[in-house]
Structures are given as C-alpha cells and as structure tokens.
Protein backbone atom coordinates (compact mmCIF):
# COMPACT_ATOMS: atom_id res chain seq x y z
CA MET A 1 25.75 35.93 58.93
CA LYS A 2 29.00 33.95 59.05
CA LYS A 3 27.58 31.57 61.69
CA TRP A 4 24.53 31.14 59.52
CA PHE A 5 26.54 30.12 56.50
CA LYS A 6 28.72 27.84 58.70
CA SER A 7 25.57 26.15 60.04
CA GLY A 8 24.65 24.84 56.68
CA SER A 9 21.15 26.43 56.64
CA PRO A 10 21.59 28.17 53.36
CA TRP A 11 22.51 25.08 51.57
CA ILE A 12 19.16 23.38 53.23
CA TRP A 13 17.25 26.31 51.77
CA MET A 14 18.85 26.15 48.33
CA THR A 15 18.24 22.45 48.06
CA GLY A 16 14.58 22.79 49.25
CA GLY A 17 14.30 25.70 46.77
CA ALA A 18 15.57 23.79 43.86
CA VAL A 19 13.40 20.86 44.55
CA SER A 20 10.36 23.12 44.79
CA LEU A 21 11.26 24.60 41.57
CA SER A 22 11.75 21.15 39.94
CA LEU A 23 8.33 20.12 41.21
CA VAL A 24 6.73 23.20 39.85
CA ALA A 25 8.32 22.85 36.58
CA VAL A 26 7.33 19.17 36.20
CA ILE A 27 3.77 19.93 37.34
CA GLY A 28 3.43 22.99 35.18
CA LEU A 29 4.67 20.83 32.07
CA LEU A 30 2.26 18.07 32.94
CA MET A 31 -0.57 20.55 33.18
CA LEU A 32 0.45 22.26 29.85
CA ILE A 33 0.39 18.69 28.03
CA GLY A 34 -2.79 17.73 29.76
CA TRP A 35 -4.59 21.06 28.67
CA ARG A 36 -3.37 21.03 25.18
CA GLY A 37 -4.30 17.37 24.81
CA LEU A 38 -7.67 17.23 26.57
CA VAL A 39 -9.07 20.34 25.16
CA TYR A 40 -9.08 18.65 21.83
CA PHE A 41 -12.15 16.62 23.05
CA TRP A 42 -14.14 19.43 23.97
CA PRO A 43 -17.23 20.06 21.82
CA HIS A 44 -16.18 23.46 20.10
CA THR A 45 -18.52 26.05 18.75
CA ILE A 46 -19.14 25.76 15.05
CA TYR A 47 -19.08 28.78 13.20
CA GLU A 48 -20.41 30.03 9.73
CA TRP A 49 -18.34 32.70 8.14
CA HIS A 50 -19.31 34.87 5.28
CA VAL A 51 -15.92 35.82 3.54
CA ASN A 52 -14.69 37.57 0.44
CA ASN A 53 -12.43 35.35 -1.30
CA ASN A 54 -10.62 37.46 -3.94
CA GLY A 55 -13.88 39.30 -4.77
CA LYS A 56 -16.13 36.30 -4.74
CA PRO A 57 -18.44 35.87 -1.84
CA GLU A 58 -17.96 32.36 0.04
CA VAL A 59 -19.26 30.52 2.91
CA VAL A 60 -16.95 28.65 5.62
CA ILE A 61 -18.15 26.33 8.13
CA GLY A 62 -15.95 24.97 10.77
CA GLU A 63 -14.28 25.17 14.01
CA LEU A 64 -11.92 28.15 15.23
CA TYR A 65 -8.75 26.12 15.75
CA ASP A 66 -6.09 28.97 16.13
CA HIS A 67 -5.18 32.57 15.48
CA GLU A 68 -2.12 34.58 15.13
CA LEU A 69 -0.96 38.20 14.49
CA VAL A 70 1.04 38.73 11.17
CA PRO A 71 2.58 41.82 9.79
CA SER A 72 0.58 43.26 6.84
CA ALA A 73 3.75 43.73 4.79
CA ARG A 74 4.36 40.00 4.91
CA ILE A 75 0.78 39.24 3.58
CA GLN A 76 1.17 41.82 0.83
CA ALA A 77 4.40 40.42 -0.05
CA THR A 78 2.59 37.09 -0.92
CA GLY A 79 0.47 38.89 -3.57
CA VAL A 80 -2.61 39.44 -1.52
CA LYS A 81 -4.32 42.84 -1.86
CA LEU A 82 -5.21 44.48 1.41
CA PRO A 83 -7.49 47.49 2.00
CA ALA A 84 -5.84 50.97 2.22
CA ASN A 85 -6.76 51.55 5.86
CA VAL A 86 -5.27 48.29 7.19
CA GLY A 87 -3.01 48.46 10.06
CA GLU A 88 0.56 47.24 10.46
CA VAL A 89 -0.50 43.82 11.99
CA LEU A 90 -3.35 41.70 10.96
CA THR A 91 -5.09 38.85 12.49
CA ARG A 92 -5.58 35.54 10.79
CA TYR A 93 -7.44 32.61 11.84
CA LEU A 94 -6.99 28.90 11.41
CA VAL A 95 -10.25 27.23 10.83
CA LYS A 96 -10.96 23.35 10.81
CA THR A 97 -13.45 23.06 7.90
CA GLY A 98 -13.39 19.08 7.70
CA ASN A 99 -15.07 17.81 4.70
CA ARG A 100 -11.93 16.29 3.54
CA GLU A 101 -13.25 14.68 0.28
CA PHE A 102 -14.42 18.07 -1.09
CA VAL A 103 -11.70 20.43 -0.12
CA PRO A 104 -8.05 20.22 -0.77
CA LEU A 105 -7.15 20.59 3.01
CA ASP A 106 -9.44 20.30 6.15
CA PHE A 107 -7.70 23.29 7.57
CA ARG A 108 -7.43 26.78 5.95
CA TRP A 109 -6.39 30.31 6.96
CA MET A 110 -8.56 33.29 6.93
CA LEU A 111 -7.63 37.10 7.12
CA GLU A 112 -9.80 39.23 9.23
CA THR A 113 -10.15 41.67 6.44
CA ASP A 114 -11.86 38.94 4.41
CA ILE A 115 -14.44 38.13 7.12
CA GLN A 116 -17.70 39.87 6.59
CA GLN A 117 -19.90 38.03 9.03
CA ARG A 118 -19.60 35.41 11.48
CA THR A 119 -22.68 33.54 13.03
CA GLU A 120 -23.22 30.48 15.28
CA PRO A 121 -26.33 28.67 13.80
CA ASP A 122 -27.86 26.22 16.17
CA GLU A 123 -28.74 23.69 13.49
CA LEU A 124 -25.02 23.27 12.34
CA ALA A 125 -24.02 19.54 13.04
CA VAL A 126 -20.67 17.85 13.48
CA LEU A 127 -20.52 14.24 12.13
CA GLU A 128 -17.52 12.07 13.27
CA ARG A 129 -16.90 9.59 10.39
CA ALA A 130 -14.86 6.34 10.06
CA THR A 131 -13.02 7.95 7.03
CA ASN A 132 -12.25 11.40 5.70
CA GLY A 133 -12.51 13.02 9.22
CA ASN A 134 -15.41 15.30 10.45
CA PHE A 135 -18.06 16.66 8.24
CA TYR A 136 -19.70 19.91 9.20
CA GLY A 137 -22.91 21.12 7.86
CA TYR A 138 -26.79 21.07 8.09
CA VAL A 139 -28.79 18.03 8.57
CA GLN A 140 -31.34 18.10 5.80
CA ARG A 141 -33.13 14.51 6.03
CA LEU A 142 -32.51 10.93 6.84
CA VAL A 143 -33.31 8.36 4.19
CA VAL A 144 -34.49 4.89 5.66
CA ASP A 145 -35.09 2.09 3.06
CA GLY A 146 -35.58 4.86 0.48
CA LYS A 147 -38.04 6.76 2.38
CA PRO A 148 -37.03 10.37 3.62
CA LEU A 149 -37.54 11.41 7.27
CA THR A 150 -37.39 15.18 8.10
CA ASP A 151 -39.56 15.36 11.23
CA ASN A 152 -37.96 15.18 14.70
CA ILE A 153 -34.62 14.53 13.19
CA HIS A 154 -32.87 15.27 16.45
CA GLN A 155 -34.73 12.32 18.00
CA VAL A 156 -35.01 9.96 15.09
CA LEU A 157 -31.26 10.25 14.01
CA PRO A 158 -29.58 8.93 17.37
CA GLU A 159 -31.88 5.97 17.34
CA HIS A 160 -31.08 4.84 13.77
CA LEU A 161 -27.27 5.66 14.28
CA LYS A 162 -27.41 3.38 17.52
CA ARG A 163 -28.93 0.67 15.54
CA VAL A 164 -26.33 0.95 12.69
CA ARG A 165 -23.52 1.11 15.23
CA SER A 166 -24.76 -1.93 16.94
CA LEU A 167 -24.93 -3.84 13.47
CA ASN A 168 -21.33 -2.71 12.51
CA HIS A 169 -20.06 -3.82 15.93
CA ASP A 170 -21.56 -7.19 15.51
CA ALA A 171 -20.18 -7.44 12.07
CA ASP A 172 -16.75 -6.50 13.10
CA ALA A 173 -16.85 -8.89 16.18
CA LEU A 174 -17.83 -11.58 13.76
CA GLN A 175 -15.27 -10.86 11.39
CA LYS A 176 -12.41 -10.49 14.06
CA GLY A 177 -13.84 -13.48 16.25
CA ASP A 178 -15.34 -16.57 14.50
CA ILE A 179 -14.13 -15.73 11.01
CA GLY A 180 -10.75 -14.62 12.25
CA ALA A 181 -10.56 -18.10 14.10
CA ILE A 182 -11.33 -20.06 10.97
CA ASN A 183 -8.67 -18.24 9.03
CA TYR A 184 -6.08 -18.89 11.81
CA GLN A 185 -7.05 -22.44 11.77
CA LEU A 186 -6.62 -22.67 7.93
CA GLU A 187 -3.23 -20.99 8.15
CA LYS A 188 -2.20 -23.54 10.86
CA MET A 189 -3.19 -26.42 8.63
CA ARG A 190 -1.31 -24.79 5.60
CA LEU A 191 1.70 -24.75 7.77
CA LYS A 192 1.28 -28.39 9.10
CA GLU A 193 0.69 -29.64 5.62
CA ARG A 194 3.96 -28.08 4.52
CA LYS A 195 5.69 -29.60 7.49
CA LEU A 196 4.49 -32.92 6.62
CA GLN A 197 5.72 -32.43 3.08
CA LEU A 198 9.24 -31.41 4.33
CA ASN A 199 9.38 -34.44 6.51
CA ASN A 200 8.11 -36.74 3.61
CA GLU A 201 5.18 -37.75 5.59
CA TRP A 202 2.51 -36.44 3.26
CA ASN A 203 0.59 -39.56 2.10
CA ASP A 204 -2.99 -40.37 1.12
CA THR A 205 -4.26 -40.72 4.62
CA ALA A 206 -3.06 -37.28 5.69
CA LYS A 207 -4.32 -35.78 2.35
CA LYS A 208 -7.86 -37.03 3.03
CA GLU A 209 -7.67 -35.98 6.73
CA PHE A 210 -6.79 -32.49 5.66
CA ALA A 211 -9.21 -32.23 2.88
CA ASP A 212 -12.00 -33.35 5.20
CA GLN A 213 -10.84 -30.59 7.85
CA ARG A 214 -10.59 -28.02 5.19
CA THR A 215 -14.15 -28.80 3.68
CA GLU A 216 -15.66 -28.52 7.37
CA LEU A 217 -13.95 -25.16 7.94
CA ASN A 218 -14.94 -23.82 4.44
CA LYS A 219 -18.56 -24.77 5.23
CA GLN A 220 -18.44 -22.88 8.54
CA TYR A 221 -16.82 -20.02 6.71
CA GLN A 222 -19.54 -19.82 4.17
CA VAL A 223 -22.15 -19.73 6.87
CA LEU A 224 -20.43 -16.96 8.81
CA GLU A 225 -19.75 -15.18 5.60
CA LYS A 226 -23.34 -15.14 4.64
CA ARG A 227 -24.27 -13.72 8.27
CA LEU A 228 -21.46 -11.01 7.93
CA PHE A 229 -22.84 -10.04 4.59
CA ASP A 230 -26.41 -9.95 5.97
CA LEU A 231 -25.19 -7.59 8.88
CA ARG A 232 -23.44 -5.23 6.50
CA SER A 233 -26.61 -5.24 4.26
CA GLN A 234 -28.85 -4.24 7.04
CA ALA A 235 -26.49 -1.45 8.19
CA SER A 236 -26.38 0.01 4.85
CA HIS A 237 -29.97 0.80 4.24
CA ASP A 238 -29.86 4.21 5.96
CA THR A 239 -28.40 7.44 4.33
CA LEU A 240 -27.96 10.86 6.02
CA VAL A 241 -28.36 13.83 3.65
CA MET A 242 -26.31 16.95 4.61
CA LYS A 243 -25.93 20.48 3.07
CA ASP A 244 -22.22 21.58 3.22
CA MET A 245 -20.73 25.03 3.00
CA ARG A 246 -20.84 24.89 -0.76
CA GLY A 247 -24.63 24.67 -0.51
CA VAL A 248 -24.52 21.19 -2.07
CA GLU A 249 -26.46 18.31 -0.65
CA VAL A 250 -24.17 15.29 0.10
CA SER A 251 -25.46 11.69 1.04
CA ILE A 252 -23.42 10.02 3.65
CA PRO A 253 -24.04 6.39 4.39
CA LEU A 254 -24.96 5.94 7.98
CA THR A 255 -22.44 3.09 8.30
CA GLN A 256 -19.57 5.71 7.95
CA VAL A 257 -21.09 7.84 10.67
CA LEU A 258 -19.66 7.19 14.24
CA ASP A 259 -21.30 9.96 16.17
CA VAL A 260 -23.41 13.15 15.44
CA ASN A 261 -23.94 16.19 17.68
CA TRP A 262 -25.02 19.92 17.59
CA PRO A 263 -22.28 21.54 19.59
CA ASN A 264 -23.98 24.95 19.41
CA GLN A 265 -27.15 23.58 21.01
CA MET A 266 -25.19 22.06 23.89
CA ASN A 267 -25.33 23.48 27.62
CA TRP A 268 -22.35 23.08 29.93
CA LEU A 269 -23.64 19.81 31.35
CA GLN A 270 -24.05 18.19 27.93
CA LYS A 271 -20.63 19.51 26.84
CA ILE A 272 -18.90 18.01 29.97
CA GLY A 273 -20.93 14.66 29.35
CA HIS A 274 -19.61 14.77 25.73
CA TRP A 275 -16.09 15.61 26.72
CA PHE A 276 -15.82 12.51 28.99
CA HIS A 277 -17.48 10.39 26.13
CA GLN A 278 -14.89 11.40 23.76
CA ILE A 279 -12.08 10.69 26.20
CA GLY A 280 -13.39 7.25 26.81
CA LYS A 281 -13.54 6.62 23.01
CA PHE A 282 -10.00 7.80 22.88
CA VAL A 283 -8.75 5.32 25.31
CA THR A 284 -10.80 2.25 24.18
CA ASP A 285 -11.03 2.68 20.25
CA GLU A 286 -8.62 1.74 17.60
CA PRO A 287 -6.88 4.17 15.47
CA ARG A 288 -8.10 5.49 12.20
CA GLU A 289 -6.93 7.77 9.36
CA ALA A 290 -3.17 7.11 9.59
CA ASN A 291 -3.31 7.42 13.53
CA THR A 292 -4.72 10.93 13.11
CA GLU A 293 -8.12 9.88 14.09
CA GLY A 294 -9.64 7.37 16.61
CA GLY A 295 -8.23 5.94 19.74
CA VAL A 296 -5.14 4.45 21.13
CA PHE A 297 -6.20 1.20 22.79
CA PRO A 298 -3.76 -1.08 20.88
CA ALA A 299 -0.86 1.43 21.95
CA ILE A 300 -2.01 1.23 25.57
CA PHE A 301 -2.25 -2.58 25.45
CA GLY A 302 1.03 -3.07 23.64
CA THR A 303 2.95 -0.73 26.10
CA VAL A 304 1.54 -2.44 29.38
CA PHE A 305 1.99 -5.80 27.99
CA MET A 306 5.58 -5.23 26.87
CA VAL A 307 6.49 -3.64 30.25
CA MET A 308 4.98 -6.49 32.24
CA LEU A 309 6.87 -8.94 30.10
CA MET A 310 10.07 -7.05 30.48
CA THR A 311 9.47 -7.06 34.25
CA VAL A 312 9.04 -10.86 34.42
CA ILE A 313 12.27 -11.29 32.53
CA VAL A 314 14.56 -8.61 34.27
CA THR A 315 13.54 -9.21 37.76
CA PRO A 316 14.97 -12.92 38.03
CA LEU A 317 17.98 -11.87 36.12
CA GLY A 318 18.83 -8.89 38.02
CA VAL A 319 18.22 -10.34 41.43
CA VAL A 320 20.25 -13.47 40.63
CA ALA A 321 23.20 -11.39 39.45
CA ALA A 322 23.10 -9.21 42.61
CA VAL A 323 22.87 -12.00 44.90
CA TYR A 324 25.83 -13.62 43.30
CA LEU A 325 27.89 -10.64 43.36
CA HIS A 326 27.11 -9.64 46.92
CA GLU A 327 26.62 -13.03 48.70
CA TYR A 328 28.84 -15.43 46.81
CA ALA A 329 31.48 -13.77 44.57
CA GLY A 330 34.83 -13.27 46.17
CA LYS A 331 35.96 -9.63 46.81
CA ASN A 332 38.53 -9.56 43.97
CA MET A 333 39.62 -7.61 41.01
CA MET A 334 37.26 -9.60 38.68
CA THR A 335 34.33 -8.89 40.99
CA LYS A 336 35.23 -5.22 40.71
CA LEU A 337 35.66 -5.30 37.09
CA ILE A 338 32.12 -6.64 36.69
CA ARG A 339 30.59 -4.17 38.96
CA ILE A 340 32.25 -1.38 36.94
CA ALA A 341 30.93 -3.03 33.71
CA VAL A 342 27.44 -3.32 35.05
CA ILE A 343 27.50 0.47 36.01
CA ASN A 344 28.91 1.50 32.54
CA LEU A 345 25.97 -0.51 30.92
CA ALA A 346 23.74 2.16 32.34
CA GLY A 347 25.37 4.82 30.22
CA VAL A 348 25.16 3.12 27.02
CA PRO A 349 22.69 4.93 24.65
CA SER A 350 19.52 3.17 24.16
CA ILE A 351 19.63 3.06 20.32
CA VAL A 352 22.77 0.75 20.78
CA TYR A 353 20.71 -1.61 22.57
CA GLY A 354 18.08 -1.62 19.76
CA VAL A 355 20.96 -2.56 17.27
CA PHE A 356 22.10 -5.23 19.59
CA GLY A 357 18.48 -6.65 20.06
CA LEU A 358 18.11 -6.61 16.23
CA GLY A 359 21.30 -8.43 15.51
CA PHE A 360 21.44 -10.86 18.26
CA PHE A 361 17.93 -11.49 19.45
CA VAL A 362 15.99 -11.09 16.14
CA TYR A 363 18.34 -12.18 13.41
CA MET A 364 20.60 -14.70 15.50
CA VAL A 365 18.17 -16.33 18.09
CA GLY A 366 15.03 -15.76 16.25
CA GLY A 367 16.35 -16.89 12.91
CA SER A 368 17.87 -20.11 14.40
CA LEU A 369 14.65 -20.91 16.10
CA ASP A 370 12.89 -20.61 12.83
CA GLN A 371 15.29 -23.00 11.11
CA ILE A 372 15.03 -25.54 13.98
CA PHE A 373 11.27 -25.36 15.01
CA TYR A 374 9.44 -23.61 12.23
CA PRO A 375 11.01 -24.58 9.02
CA GLU A 376 7.58 -24.88 7.23
CA SER A 377 7.08 -21.08 7.73
CA LEU A 378 10.15 -20.12 5.78
CA PRO A 379 10.80 -17.74 3.98
CA ASN A 380 8.28 -15.92 6.18
CA PRO A 381 9.74 -15.73 9.75
CA VAL A 382 7.98 -16.39 12.96
CA PHE A 383 10.60 -15.48 15.65
CA GLY A 384 13.14 -14.20 13.01
CA SER A 385 11.39 -10.94 12.76
CA PRO A 386 10.95 -7.88 15.18
CA GLY A 387 8.25 -8.85 17.95
CA VAL A 388 7.11 -8.05 21.56
CA LEU A 389 9.35 -10.80 22.92
CA TRP A 390 12.54 -9.43 21.47
CA SER A 391 11.38 -5.78 22.53
CA ALA A 392 10.90 -7.05 26.16
CA LEU A 393 14.25 -8.82 26.20
CA THR A 394 16.06 -5.71 24.74
CA LEU A 395 14.62 -3.50 27.35
CA ALA A 396 15.44 -5.97 30.16
CA ILE A 397 19.05 -5.92 29.14
CA LEU A 398 18.76 -2.04 29.09
CA THR A 399 17.31 -1.95 32.58
CA LEU A 400 19.22 -4.80 34.03
CA PRO A 401 22.06 -2.55 35.55
CA VAL A 402 19.44 -0.51 37.52
CA VAL A 403 17.84 -3.61 39.11
CA ILE A 404 21.38 -5.14 39.92
CA VAL A 405 22.58 -1.93 41.58
CA SER A 406 19.36 -1.36 43.53
CA THR A 407 19.28 -4.92 44.69
CA GLU A 408 22.88 -4.84 45.74
CA GLU A 409 22.28 -1.62 47.72
CA GLY A 410 19.55 -3.40 49.67
CA LEU A 411 21.55 -6.54 50.26
CA SER A 412 24.44 -4.44 51.73
CA ARG A 413 22.04 -2.52 54.18
CA ILE A 414 21.21 -5.85 55.97
CA PRO A 415 23.47 -6.40 58.94
CA SER A 416 25.86 -9.27 58.98
CA ALA A 417 24.61 -10.29 62.37
CA VAL A 418 21.27 -11.31 60.67
CA ARG A 419 23.05 -13.78 58.46
CA HIS A 420 25.12 -15.16 61.24
CA GLY A 421 22.46 -15.49 63.60
CA SER A 422 20.51 -17.56 61.05
CA LEU A 423 23.44 -19.84 60.37
CA ALA A 424 23.92 -20.23 64.09
CA LEU A 425 20.36 -21.33 64.47
CA GLY A 426 21.06 -24.18 62.13
CA ALA A 427 19.87 -22.74 58.71
CA THR A 428 21.67 -23.34 55.53
CA LYS A 429 22.94 -20.48 53.53
CA ALA A 430 20.32 -21.16 50.89
CA GLU A 431 17.54 -21.06 53.35
CA THR A 432 18.95 -17.79 55.00
CA LEU A 433 19.07 -16.34 51.61
CA TRP A 434 15.53 -17.28 50.56
CA ARG A 435 13.74 -16.72 54.12
CA ILE A 436 15.54 -13.89 55.53
CA ILE A 437 17.82 -11.86 53.12
CA LEU A 438 15.51 -11.74 50.19
CA PRO A 439 12.51 -10.65 52.03
CA MET A 440 14.40 -7.97 53.91
CA ALA A 441 15.79 -6.75 50.46
CA SER A 442 12.49 -6.98 48.65
CA PRO A 443 11.65 -3.06 49.14
CA ALA A 444 15.10 -2.31 47.48
CA ILE A 445 14.21 -4.82 44.61
CA MET A 446 10.87 -3.14 44.07
CA THR A 447 12.68 0.29 43.94
CA GLY A 448 14.91 -1.06 41.18
CA LEU A 449 11.82 -2.35 39.41
CA ILE A 450 10.11 0.98 39.64
CA LEU A 451 13.05 2.73 38.01
CA ALA A 452 13.13 0.07 35.25
CA ILE A 453 9.57 0.29 34.62
CA ALA A 454 9.74 4.14 34.24
CA ARG A 455 12.69 3.85 31.89
CA ALA A 456 11.34 0.97 29.80
CA ALA A 457 7.93 2.51 29.33
CA GLY A 458 9.22 5.72 28.12
CA GLU A 459 11.84 4.11 25.61
CA VAL A 460 11.10 4.32 21.96
CA ALA A 461 14.57 4.25 20.00
CA PRO A 462 15.39 0.61 20.63
CA LEU A 463 11.64 -0.48 20.10
CA MET A 464 11.65 0.96 16.49
CA LEU A 465 14.13 -1.70 15.59
CA VAL A 466 12.97 -4.60 17.51
CA GLY A 467 9.18 -4.75 17.55
CA ALA A 468 6.99 -1.38 17.48
CA VAL A 469 5.21 -0.68 14.47
CA LYS A 470 2.81 2.22 13.20
CA LEU A 471 -0.33 -0.17 12.95
CA ALA A 472 -0.44 -3.67 14.31
CA PRO A 473 -3.30 -5.72 12.73
CA THR A 474 -3.88 -7.74 15.88
CA LEU A 475 -2.97 -7.62 19.52
CA PRO A 476 -0.40 -9.96 21.19
CA VAL A 477 -3.44 -11.57 23.08
CA ASP A 478 -6.41 -13.15 21.43
CA GLY A 479 -8.68 -16.07 21.58
CA ASN A 480 -6.60 -18.32 19.38
CA PHE A 481 -4.38 -20.92 20.80
CA PRO A 482 -1.76 -20.49 22.53
CA TYR A 483 -3.60 -17.04 23.33
CA VAL A 484 -0.32 -15.03 24.16
CA HIS A 485 1.59 -14.54 20.79
CA VAL A 486 4.85 -12.91 21.94
CA GLU A 487 6.24 -13.14 18.19
CA ARG A 488 3.76 -10.54 16.99
CA LYS A 489 4.47 -6.96 16.54
CA PHE A 490 2.82 -4.34 18.73
CA MET A 491 1.94 -0.78 18.99
CA HIS A 492 3.64 1.51 21.52
CA LEU A 493 2.47 4.91 22.96
CA GLY A 494 5.95 6.47 22.61
CA PHE A 495 6.23 5.23 18.94
CA HIS A 496 2.73 6.39 18.41
CA ILE A 497 3.77 9.95 19.50
CA PHE A 498 6.71 9.82 17.26
CA ASP A 499 4.66 8.68 14.27
CA VAL A 500 1.77 11.12 14.71
CA GLY A 501 3.95 13.94 15.25
CA PHE A 502 6.58 13.60 12.61
CA GLN A 503 5.25 11.20 10.12
CA SER A 504 1.50 12.29 9.86
CA PRO A 505 0.24 13.71 6.60
CA ASN A 506 -2.10 16.01 8.37
CA VAL A 507 0.12 17.93 10.77
CA GLU A 508 -2.45 20.38 12.26
CA ALA A 509 -4.87 17.45 12.88
CA ALA A 510 -2.31 15.52 14.58
CA ARG A 511 -0.99 18.00 16.82
CA PRO A 512 -3.30 17.77 19.66
CA LEU A 513 -3.21 14.06 19.60
CA VAL A 514 0.46 14.33 20.37
CA TYR A 515 -0.37 16.04 23.56
CA ALA A 516 -3.10 13.83 24.39
CA THR A 517 -1.15 10.68 23.77
CA SER A 518 1.85 12.15 25.59
CA PHE A 519 -0.32 12.82 28.54
CA LEU A 520 -1.87 9.24 28.38
CA LEU A 521 1.79 7.81 28.41
CA VAL A 522 2.79 9.92 31.50
CA THR A 523 -0.43 8.73 33.09
CA VAL A 524 0.25 4.81 32.32
CA ILE A 525 3.75 5.28 33.63
CA VAL A 526 2.60 6.93 36.76
CA GLY A 527 0.00 4.13 37.10
CA LEU A 528 2.58 1.39 36.84
CA ASN A 529 4.82 3.18 39.15
CA LEU A 530 2.14 3.55 41.68
CA THR A 531 1.29 -0.09 41.66
CA ALA A 532 4.94 -0.96 42.08
CA ILE A 533 5.20 1.53 44.93
CA SER A 534 2.07 0.17 46.62
CA ILE A 535 3.67 -3.32 46.49
CA ARG A 536 6.91 -2.14 47.79
CA ASN A 537 5.25 -0.44 50.79
CA HIS A 538 3.34 -3.54 51.49
CA LEU A 539 6.44 -5.65 51.45
CA ARG A 540 8.18 -3.08 53.62
CA GLU A 541 5.49 -3.28 56.20
CA LYS A 542 5.33 -7.07 55.93
CA TYR A 543 8.90 -7.71 56.58
CA ARG A 544 9.54 -4.68 59.07
CA ALA A 545 9.80 -7.04 62.00
CA LEU A 546 12.92 -8.75 60.50
CA ASP A 547 14.71 -5.43 60.78
CA ASN A 548 14.35 -5.45 64.59
C-alpha cells in the first residue's frame, strides 16, 4: 500500500475521478436544461375537465402543465371546504387555460377533489395567436367574406391560414423594407437639413432641392402605403369562430392566428414534425408578448454579431500587447508591474467594466463624437448612448488579459534558436516575427480567443449598462446605408434570459422559455468555440513543420 501511495497512482485516479464527475455534472446539467426547455415545444394533450367550483359546475379546457402534493390542512387553512374523507395529502394540478382576454390568468390550480371528469376530445384545437397567447376550444366555422364554411374544416382552414400568413408576411416585409427605407431617407434628410441650418448654408437652392426630394419620397410612400393597406385588407376578410370553455362562441380574425393544430388527433410522427417546426420558429421568429411568446432570432443575431465584433477588436490589441511585452520590452521592474496589472485585470468584476464602459466609452467618447461629427442630431445622441460598438469594446477590455496571457505563453514556448536562425539567414526582426514567430504562436492565440469568446458570449452584467435592451426595434445590420449600424442597441441571449426569468409579468409562461433560451445560449457558445477550435487545429497542422 505504501509503495502504491508513493508511486502517485492514487492521485492519478483521484484526478481522473474528479474530471469524470465534473463532466457527468456538466452533461447532466445541460441535459436537464435541454429537457425542460425543449419539452415546451412538444404538442401536449388538451384536456377537458368538468369541475365543481364552490358548488357550481364548470368546464375547464387546457394543457396539464404541472402537479404537486399539498397538505390538506394547508388547503383548509385558506378557507376551502374539503370532503370529510379526504386524506392528509392532496394533489393539485396547474392547468394552462390560455384564452387570456377572457380569464384573469391563463394558468389556474385545480384540486383533485374538485375534478368530476376528465376527457380528451379529438376536436379540441389550439390556436397560436400573435397576441393574448394560445386559444383553446372547438372550431365551429370559418367565415370567408361573410360566408360561413363548416364542411371539411380540417382541410380548408390550413389553406386559408397559409394565404393569410403569406399576405401578412408580404405586408410586414413591405413595411420593414421599402417603407422603412423611405422613412430612413426622410430622417437622413431632416438631419442634413438641420446641419445646413447650423452651418448657415440653408438657402433657397437647398430649400428647393430638399422640397423636391421630399415630394418624390412622399409620392413613393403613398404608393407603398396604398399597397400595404390593400394587403392588410385582403388578410382581414377571414374570421375563425371558436367555442371556448365557457360555451361562448368567439370570433377571432385570421390575421391574429399564426398556427392551428389538433394535438389529440396527432400520431407520434406528426407530433415529432410539429416539435421540430416549433423549434424552428423559436429560433427564427421575433419575440412577442413581452418576450414570453415567439422566438429569439434578434437575440441570437445580436449575441453573435457582438461577439464577432469583440473578437475583431480584442485580437489585434491582445496580440500586439503580448508581442511587445515578450519580444521588445526589457526585463525590468516596469515590465513585471505591467504583467501583474494585466493578470489582476482578469479578476476585476465584470460589472465594473460595465460602469467603466458607460462612463468612458458612452458618455466621454460617444458624447465627444456626437458634438464633433453629429451636432445636428443633438440632443438625441447617436454614439453618445449605449450601443453594440460600446458593448464590444467593453467586452474586449474585459477579455484582453486572457488573450495577452495566452499569446505570451505561446511566444515563450518558441525556442530562441528559431529566432536566431532566422536572423542569421538575413531576415529582419520584423520579418522573423511576422513570418515565423506569429504563425508558430497562432494556435496559442486561438486558444486565448476561444476563452475570450466563451467569456464574452455569456456575460450579461456589463451589457445591461452599455448596449443590451429588452426589445430592439431593428437589427444592427439592415439594407440601409452604411448597412452596419454599430451605434444601435441590440438584444442578447443572456439579457433575454434575465428579462424573461425575472421581469416577466407571466412567470409560469416564461419559465420554459428560460430553459429553452439557456440551452440555446450554451449551444451558440459551443458553436462559436467549435469554430475557433477547428481554426486552431488547422493552424496547428499548417505550421507544424516550423516546430521541427
């Protein structure tokens, strides 16, 4: 036994066991998050309960969301009368009833003692709507141009819904595309006009030129507006009549309906197809209902765009700093102090970087840029407000120590003989650095970037101060010149998780979206890291000959 301990084998086994446990814990956590998030998109069975609500019969229609065991004494303490033969513990069910505009809450608890009957009618339908969440009920008829249709409703309704969705898509594309471009041009003209006024260059010639341009744009706007109204009018002709759990017929414009399905009639293949379809919509659609409905595409785009911009900024800064410290700076006390300062920067809380970015980048640098280059926009700031550029710069400073330390480690592993051999063959120091040293150190540089990307993609606290918002009206990239608008605010997956989890007015509806968005954020980070790792491995193989 003594020899075994002295050999060091126990420590090897303990290290291997610790690593294995860590991997199991991480994989288990990811599987739990993925399961709780992805099960939200599964088409759940819709039930119809007949319950006794304080002596009054009532019908409840909805999804079985959750259940729990509660002591009977606690229920009785709230004033609820229970049967005499009830046990010590009761089961109560959380049901998602939807129909938000007709009930106080779209979730309600039901005691098992109140339930008289539970059925699964095949004709129960689920409507996914643009507003007010899901609607549960029975499809009665489809009214098209004032004419009711009741026959073959399962075949007719999807066709009309597809037509309305196409019209709504064309209308939205027209509004965000051509009409949005005209509004953007009008705003640019207003700012240019104000700039000429500030410079005392606003004369009759300029007035006539601007008036002609504005008249032409207004003509184009009127044509597009007429087309937009025509598309909206065509889409508003159809109405779907539903019967809800109150037994009341409700007319729902088909323009508000995004999708309709009958989960109780689906087989397993249909449910799997619907599941993948819902996941695709979650990834590609925009959010609705205060981020509790819809998708997260703007948050995905904002996260990836901000991380890529941060990478472009931090890479040259970190590499140049590391090259100077290792290749040019003298080995003196000042250099040691700089290295210590760089290492200590890695331990600064991220929120401190956010405060620094808000004060220095946004207010000082951005405010100065507005006063120098954009005086016509004041008092409305352009760069003097939080945006994606300042977020990327703040995170670049936050991750800079990681890139510097990693690059220095890579440079220190290169033998001095390589440098001396290159210089002996007639190359200059700059040529040696550019053609030999940096290519050999590129895998270490990519390692630093991998760590920087993982850190930046998951940071939220500084972004709350320097750029991330709950809802961004437009993306940082669009079809208007200069196409990339780094001054705009953006959505971020991490901030989206915080907002949905802690600021949502509908906690129960938002809970599965927290898991789904968290799993998506981890997936995005893993995707970015795998891309960087593949680039690092390619560089390692490409410059492997230089090591020999």
